[in-house]
Amino acid sequence: MENPNIDGAEFRKILGNYPTGVTLVSAKDEKGPFAMVIGSFGSVSLDPALVQFMPAKGSKTWERIAATGNYCVNVLNEKQLPLSNSFFDKEKDPFNAIEWREGTTGSPIIKDCVAWVDCVIGDIHDAGDHYIVIGEVQEIGCENQTDGPLLFLGGSYGSFTELTES
C-alpha cells in the first residue's frame, strides 16, 4: 500500500492547505488530569453517536488515554491558543493554571471551550503511523457560544470569519 512517489514533506505541505480545528483531548487517571493537542478530530456517525481522533502511535499521552478507556474532546476557542501551547511545555502542568470540571466519564471539560464531547473508547484502527480512535459519545455540550473555534492552517493559527453576501 506504500507509495514511494509521495514525499512526506510534500504530503504535509499539500494537506496543510486544509484547515483543522484545534482540540484538546483530555483524560484523568490516578496521576491526575492530562491532555494532548489534536487537530485530527471529526464526527463519524449520528446513530449511534460516534466521533474519531487520530493520535500518533508513539504518543505516551495516547497510551495513558487508552489505559483510562475514555476521553473528552474539548474544541478550543480562538482565544485559547496560549492554553493550547501550554500543553507543549513539559516542565509545568497546564491543569494547575486552567479551570476545568469532570464530565460523565471523569475526563476533564475545559472551561470556555467552544464545545466538548465526552466519550468511551470504542474501536481502535491501525492507520500507518497513527491510530484511528472511535469514541462512543456519552455526553456533549457547549461552554462558549461567543468566540469561534481555534483553527490551524498552513502552519499558522487563526479563527473563522463568516462570509457575507454582497
C-alpha atoms as a PDB file:
ATOM      1  CA  MET A   1       0.000   0.000   0.000  1.00  0.00           C
ATOM      2  CA  GLU A   2       3.014   2.272   0.377  1.00  0.00           C
ATOM      3  CA  ASN A   3       3.517   4.757  -2.473  1.00  0.00           C
ATOM      4  CA  PRO A   4       7.214   5.610  -2.955  1.00  0.00           C
ATOM      5  CA  ASN A   5       6.280   8.561  -5.197  1.00  0.00           C
ATOM      6  CA  ILE A   6       4.765  10.540  -2.305  1.00  0.00           C
ATOM      7  CA  ASP A   7       7.285  12.626  -0.381  1.00  0.00           C
ATOM      8  CA  GLY A   8       6.322  13.081   3.294  1.00  0.00           C
ATOM      9  CA  ALA A   9       7.244  16.771   3.392  1.00  0.00           C
ATOM     10  CA  GLU A  10       5.286  17.460   0.208  1.00  0.00           C
ATOM     11  CA  PHE A  11       2.320  15.482   1.562  1.00  0.00           C
ATOM     12  CA  ARG A  12       2.287  17.608   4.715  1.00  0.00           C
ATOM     13  CA  LYS A  13       2.650  20.840   2.699  1.00  0.00           C
ATOM     14  CA  ILE A  14      -0.236  19.998   0.368  1.00  0.00           C
ATOM     15  CA  LEU A  15      -2.589  18.836   3.134  1.00  0.00           C
ATOM     16  CA  GLY A  16      -1.622  21.926   5.151  1.00  0.00           C
ATOM     17  CA  ASN A  17      -3.916  23.830   2.786  1.00  0.00           C
ATOM     18  CA  TYR A  18      -6.908  22.334   4.549  1.00  0.00           C
ATOM     19  CA  PRO A  19      -7.877  23.886   7.914  1.00  0.00           C
ATOM     20  CA  THR A  20      -8.306  21.786  11.027  1.00  0.00           C
ATOM     21  CA  GLY A  21      -9.902  22.642  14.327  1.00  0.00           C
ATOM     22  CA  VAL A  22      -7.665  22.654  17.373  1.00  0.00           C
ATOM     23  CA  THR A  23      -8.850  20.343  20.138  1.00  0.00           C
ATOM     24  CA  LEU A  24      -7.585  19.214  23.485  1.00  0.00           C
ATOM     25  CA  VAL A  25      -8.223  15.522  24.104  1.00  0.00           C
ATOM     26  CA  SER A  26      -8.276  15.097  27.874  1.00  0.00           C
ATOM     27  CA  ALA A  27      -8.493  12.233  30.339  1.00  0.00           C
ATOM     28  CA  LYS A  28      -7.849  11.603  34.009  1.00  0.00           C
ATOM     29  CA  ASP A  29      -6.074   8.725  35.744  1.00  0.00           C
ATOM     30  CA  GLU A  30      -4.584   8.063  39.180  1.00  0.00           C
ATOM     31  CA  LYS A  31      -1.877  10.685  38.481  1.00  0.00           C
ATOM     32  CA  GLY A  32      -4.484  13.355  37.710  1.00  0.00           C
ATOM     33  CA  PRO A  33      -5.760  15.141  34.594  1.00  0.00           C
ATOM     34  CA  PHE A  34      -3.730  15.226  31.371  1.00  0.00           C
ATOM     35  CA  ALA A  35      -4.314  16.015  27.704  1.00  0.00           C
ATOM     36  CA  MET A  36      -2.921  16.172  24.199  1.00  0.00           C
ATOM     37  CA  VAL A  37      -3.477  18.735  21.437  1.00  0.00           C
ATOM     38  CA  ILE A  38      -5.108  17.147  18.396  1.00  0.00           C
ATOM     39  CA  GLY A  39      -6.150  18.562  15.016  1.00  0.00           C
ATOM     40  CA  SER A  40      -7.488  15.298  13.643  1.00  0.00           C
ATOM     41  CA  PHE A  41     -10.967  15.202  15.173  1.00  0.00           C
ATOM     42  CA  GLY A  42     -14.274  14.625  13.430  1.00  0.00           C
ATOM     43  CA  SER A  43     -17.735  13.170  13.574  1.00  0.00           C
ATOM     44  CA  VAL A  44     -18.325   9.618  12.345  1.00  0.00           C
ATOM     45  CA  SER A  45     -21.978   8.701  12.948  1.00  0.00           C
ATOM     46  CA  LEU A  46     -25.202  10.195  14.269  1.00  0.00           C
ATOM     47  CA  ASP A  47     -26.824   6.875  15.178  1.00  0.00           C
ATOM     48  CA  PRO A  48     -25.060   5.710  17.189  1.00  0.00           C
ATOM     49  CA  ALA A  49     -23.258   8.933  18.112  1.00  0.00           C
ATOM     50  CA  LEU A  50     -19.589   8.314  17.248  1.00  0.00           C
ATOM     51  CA  VAL A  51     -16.564  10.593  16.804  1.00  0.00           C
ATOM     52  CA  GLN A  52     -12.916   9.965  15.951  1.00  0.00           C
ATOM     53  CA  PHE A  53      -9.457  11.359  16.544  1.00  0.00           C
ATOM     54  CA  MET A  54      -6.060  10.143  15.367  1.00  0.00           C
ATOM     55  CA  PRO A  55      -3.156  10.042  17.826  1.00  0.00           C
ATOM     56  CA  ALA A  56       0.363   9.150  16.739  1.00  0.00           C
ATOM     57  CA  LYS A  57       1.354   5.587  17.573  1.00  0.00           C
ATOM     58  CA  GLY A  58       4.404   6.697  19.548  1.00  0.00           C
ATOM     59  CA  SER A  59       2.466   9.081  21.792  1.00  0.00           C
ATOM     60  CA  LYS A  60       2.918   8.394  25.508  1.00  0.00           C
ATOM     61  CA  THR A  61      -0.130  10.570  26.214  1.00  0.00           C
ATOM     62  CA  TRP A  62      -2.217   8.359  23.942  1.00  0.00           C
ATOM     63  CA  GLU A  63      -1.008   5.312  25.904  1.00  0.00           C
ATOM     64  CA  ARG A  64      -2.300   6.920  29.101  1.00  0.00           C
ATOM     65  CA  ILE A  65      -5.620   7.874  27.495  1.00  0.00           C
ATOM     66  CA  ALA A  66      -6.068   4.343  26.127  1.00  0.00           C
ATOM     67  CA  ALA A  67      -5.458   2.914  29.608  1.00  0.00           C
ATOM     68  CA  THR A  68      -8.307   5.012  31.064  1.00  0.00           C
ATOM     69  CA  GLY A  69     -10.824   3.768  28.491  1.00  0.00           C
ATOM     70  CA  ASN A  70     -12.321   7.225  27.958  1.00  0.00           C
ATOM     71  CA  TYR A  71     -11.582  10.787  26.923  1.00  0.00           C
ATOM     72  CA  CYS A  72     -13.155  14.185  26.313  1.00  0.00           C
ATOM     73  CA  VAL A  73     -12.565  16.242  23.176  1.00  0.00           C
ATOM     74  CA  ASN A  74     -12.515  19.954  24.029  1.00  0.00           C
ATOM     75  CA  VAL A  75     -12.905  22.186  20.945  1.00  0.00           C
ATOM     76  CA  LEU A  76     -10.753  25.208  21.791  1.00  0.00           C
ATOM     77  CA  ASN A  77     -11.908  28.745  21.090  1.00  0.00           C
ATOM     78  CA  GLU A  78      -9.978  31.384  19.170  1.00  0.00           C
ATOM     79  CA  LYS A  79      -8.714  32.975  22.416  1.00  0.00           C
ATOM     80  CA  GLN A  80      -7.317  29.699  23.808  1.00  0.00           C
ATOM     81  CA  LEU A  81      -4.097  29.494  21.763  1.00  0.00           C
ATOM     82  CA  PRO A  82      -1.958  30.163  24.872  1.00  0.00           C
ATOM     83  CA  LEU A  83      -3.816  27.353  26.659  1.00  0.00           C
ATOM     84  CA  SER A  84      -3.170  25.032  23.705  1.00  0.00           C
ATOM     85  CA  ASN A  85       0.518  25.954  23.648  1.00  0.00           C
ATOM     86  CA  SER A  86       0.832  25.340  27.390  1.00  0.00           C
ATOM     87  CA  PHE A  87       0.338  21.615  26.735  1.00  0.00           C
ATOM     88  CA  PHE A  88       3.634  21.511  24.814  1.00  0.00           C
ATOM     89  CA  ASP A  89       5.573  22.671  27.903  1.00  0.00           C
ATOM     90  CA  LYS A  90       6.793  19.521  29.659  1.00  0.00           C
ATOM     91  CA  GLU A  91       8.115  21.486  32.675  1.00  0.00           C
ATOM     92  CA  LYS A  92       4.726  22.670  34.007  1.00  0.00           C
ATOM     93  CA  ASP A  93       1.341  21.021  34.454  1.00  0.00           C
ATOM     94  CA  PRO A  94      -1.139  23.171  32.468  1.00  0.00           C
ATOM     95  CA  PHE A  95      -4.032  21.865  34.567  1.00  0.00           C
ATOM     96  CA  ASN A  96      -2.648  23.851  37.524  1.00  0.00           C
ATOM     97  CA  ALA A  97      -3.400  27.081  35.633  1.00  0.00           C
ATOM     98  CA  ILE A  98      -6.786  26.386  33.989  1.00  0.00           C
ATOM     99  CA  GLU A  99     -10.353  25.847  35.107  1.00  0.00           C
ATOM    100  CA  TRP A 100     -11.990  22.522  34.346  1.00  0.00           C
ATOM    101  CA  ARG A 101     -14.573  20.104  35.644  1.00  0.00           C
ATOM    102  CA  GLU A 102     -15.141  16.379  35.271  1.00  0.00           C
ATOM    103  CA  GLY A 103     -17.507  15.061  32.625  1.00  0.00           C
ATOM    104  CA  THR A 104     -19.607  11.911  32.854  1.00  0.00           C
ATOM    105  CA  THR A 105     -16.567   9.707  32.206  1.00  0.00           C
ATOM    106  CA  GLY A 106     -14.387  11.618  34.675  1.00  0.00           C
ATOM    107  CA  SER A 107     -12.436  13.251  31.837  1.00  0.00           C
ATOM    108  CA  PRO A 108     -11.741  16.997  32.100  1.00  0.00           C
ATOM    109  CA  ILE A 109     -14.019  19.514  30.396  1.00  0.00           C
ATOM    110  CA  ILE A 110     -12.081  22.736  29.827  1.00  0.00           C
ATOM    111  CA  LYS A 111     -13.805  25.992  30.837  1.00  0.00           C
ATOM    112  CA  ASP A 112     -14.796  28.234  27.926  1.00  0.00           C
ATOM    113  CA  CYS A 113     -14.135  25.710  25.175  1.00  0.00           C
ATOM    114  CA  VAL A 114     -16.478  26.068  22.198  1.00  0.00           C
ATOM    115  CA  ALA A 115     -17.824  22.535  22.592  1.00  0.00           C
ATOM    116  CA  TRP A 116     -16.959  19.275  24.308  1.00  0.00           C
ATOM    117  CA  VAL A 117     -17.625  15.623  23.538  1.00  0.00           C
ATOM    118  CA  ASP A 118     -17.184  13.111  26.380  1.00  0.00           C
ATOM    119  CA  CYS A 119     -16.522   9.567  25.130  1.00  0.00           C
ATOM    120  CA  VAL A 120     -15.811   5.974  25.988  1.00  0.00           C
ATOM    121  CA  ILE A 121     -13.176   4.436  23.718  1.00  0.00           C
ATOM    122  CA  GLY A 122     -14.766   2.130  21.146  1.00  0.00           C
ATOM    123  CA  ASP A 123     -12.843   0.657  18.237  1.00  0.00           C
ATOM    124  CA  ILE A 124      -9.189   1.434  17.555  1.00  0.00           C
ATOM    125  CA  HIS A 125      -7.954   1.023  13.975  1.00  0.00           C
ATOM    126  CA  ASP A 126      -4.361   0.792  12.766  1.00  0.00           C
ATOM    127  CA  ALA A 127      -3.646   3.555  10.231  1.00  0.00           C
ATOM    128  CA  GLY A 128       0.009   3.889   9.211  1.00  0.00           C
ATOM    129  CA  ASP A 129       1.898   5.856  11.868  1.00  0.00           C
ATOM    130  CA  HIS A 130      -1.353   6.764  13.681  1.00  0.00           C
ATOM    131  CA  TYR A 131      -4.400   5.094  15.166  1.00  0.00           C
ATOM    132  CA  ILE A 132      -7.994   5.978  14.348  1.00  0.00           C
ATOM    133  CA  VAL A 133      -9.765   6.015  17.701  1.00  0.00           C
ATOM    134  CA  ILE A 134     -13.548   5.763  17.632  1.00  0.00           C
ATOM    135  CA  GLY A 135     -15.286   7.373  20.583  1.00  0.00           C
ATOM    136  CA  GLU A 136     -18.738   6.329  21.731  1.00  0.00           C
ATOM    137  CA  VAL A 137     -20.295   9.638  22.771  1.00  0.00           C
ATOM    138  CA  GLN A 138     -21.631   9.684  26.329  1.00  0.00           C
ATOM    139  CA  GLU A 139     -22.379  13.386  26.746  1.00  0.00           C
ATOM    140  CA  ILE A 140     -21.927  16.609  24.744  1.00  0.00           C
ATOM    141  CA  GLY A 141     -22.180  20.297  25.432  1.00  0.00           C
ATOM    142  CA  CYS A 142     -21.114  23.867  24.694  1.00  0.00           C
ATOM    143  CA  GLU A 143     -19.226  26.136  27.049  1.00  0.00           C
ATOM    144  CA  ASN A 144     -18.720  29.239  24.902  1.00  0.00           C
ATOM    145  CA  GLN A 145     -21.049  30.341  22.111  1.00  0.00           C
ATOM    146  CA  THR A 146     -19.418  33.782  21.755  1.00  0.00           C
ATOM    147  CA  ASP A 147     -15.938  33.005  20.435  1.00  0.00           C
ATOM    148  CA  GLY A 148     -15.295  30.990  17.290  1.00  0.00           C
ATOM    149  CA  PRO A 149     -13.140  27.869  17.129  1.00  0.00           C
ATOM    150  CA  LEU A 150      -9.345  27.978  17.032  1.00  0.00           C
ATOM    151  CA  LEU A 151      -8.146  26.798  13.603  1.00  0.00           C
ATOM    152  CA  PHE A 152      -4.808  25.644  12.208  1.00  0.00           C
ATOM    153  CA  LEU A 153      -3.979  26.234   8.525  1.00  0.00           C
ATOM    154  CA  GLY A 154      -0.688  26.168   6.665  1.00  0.00           C
ATOM    155  CA  GLY A 155       1.447  26.222   9.803  1.00  0.00           C
ATOM    156  CA  SER A 156      -0.442  29.122  11.418  1.00  0.00           C
ATOM    157  CA  TYR A 157      -3.296  29.563  13.861  1.00  0.00           C
ATOM    158  CA  GLY A 158      -6.389  31.634  13.189  1.00  0.00           C
ATOM    159  CA  SER A 159     -10.130  31.786  13.588  1.00  0.00           C
ATOM    160  CA  PHE A 160     -13.271  31.541  11.491  1.00  0.00           C
ATOM    161  CA  THR A 161     -14.800  34.605   9.857  1.00  0.00           C
ATOM    162  CA  GLU A 162     -18.209  34.263   8.246  1.00  0.00           C
ATOM    163  CA  LEU A 163     -18.575  35.354   4.653  1.00  0.00           C
ATOM    164  CA  THR A 164     -21.202  37.982   3.958  1.00  0.00           C
ATOM    165  CA  GLU A 165     -23.132  38.220   0.734  1.00  0.00           C
ATOM    166  CA  SER A 166     -22.564  41.369  -1.270  1.00  0.00           C
END
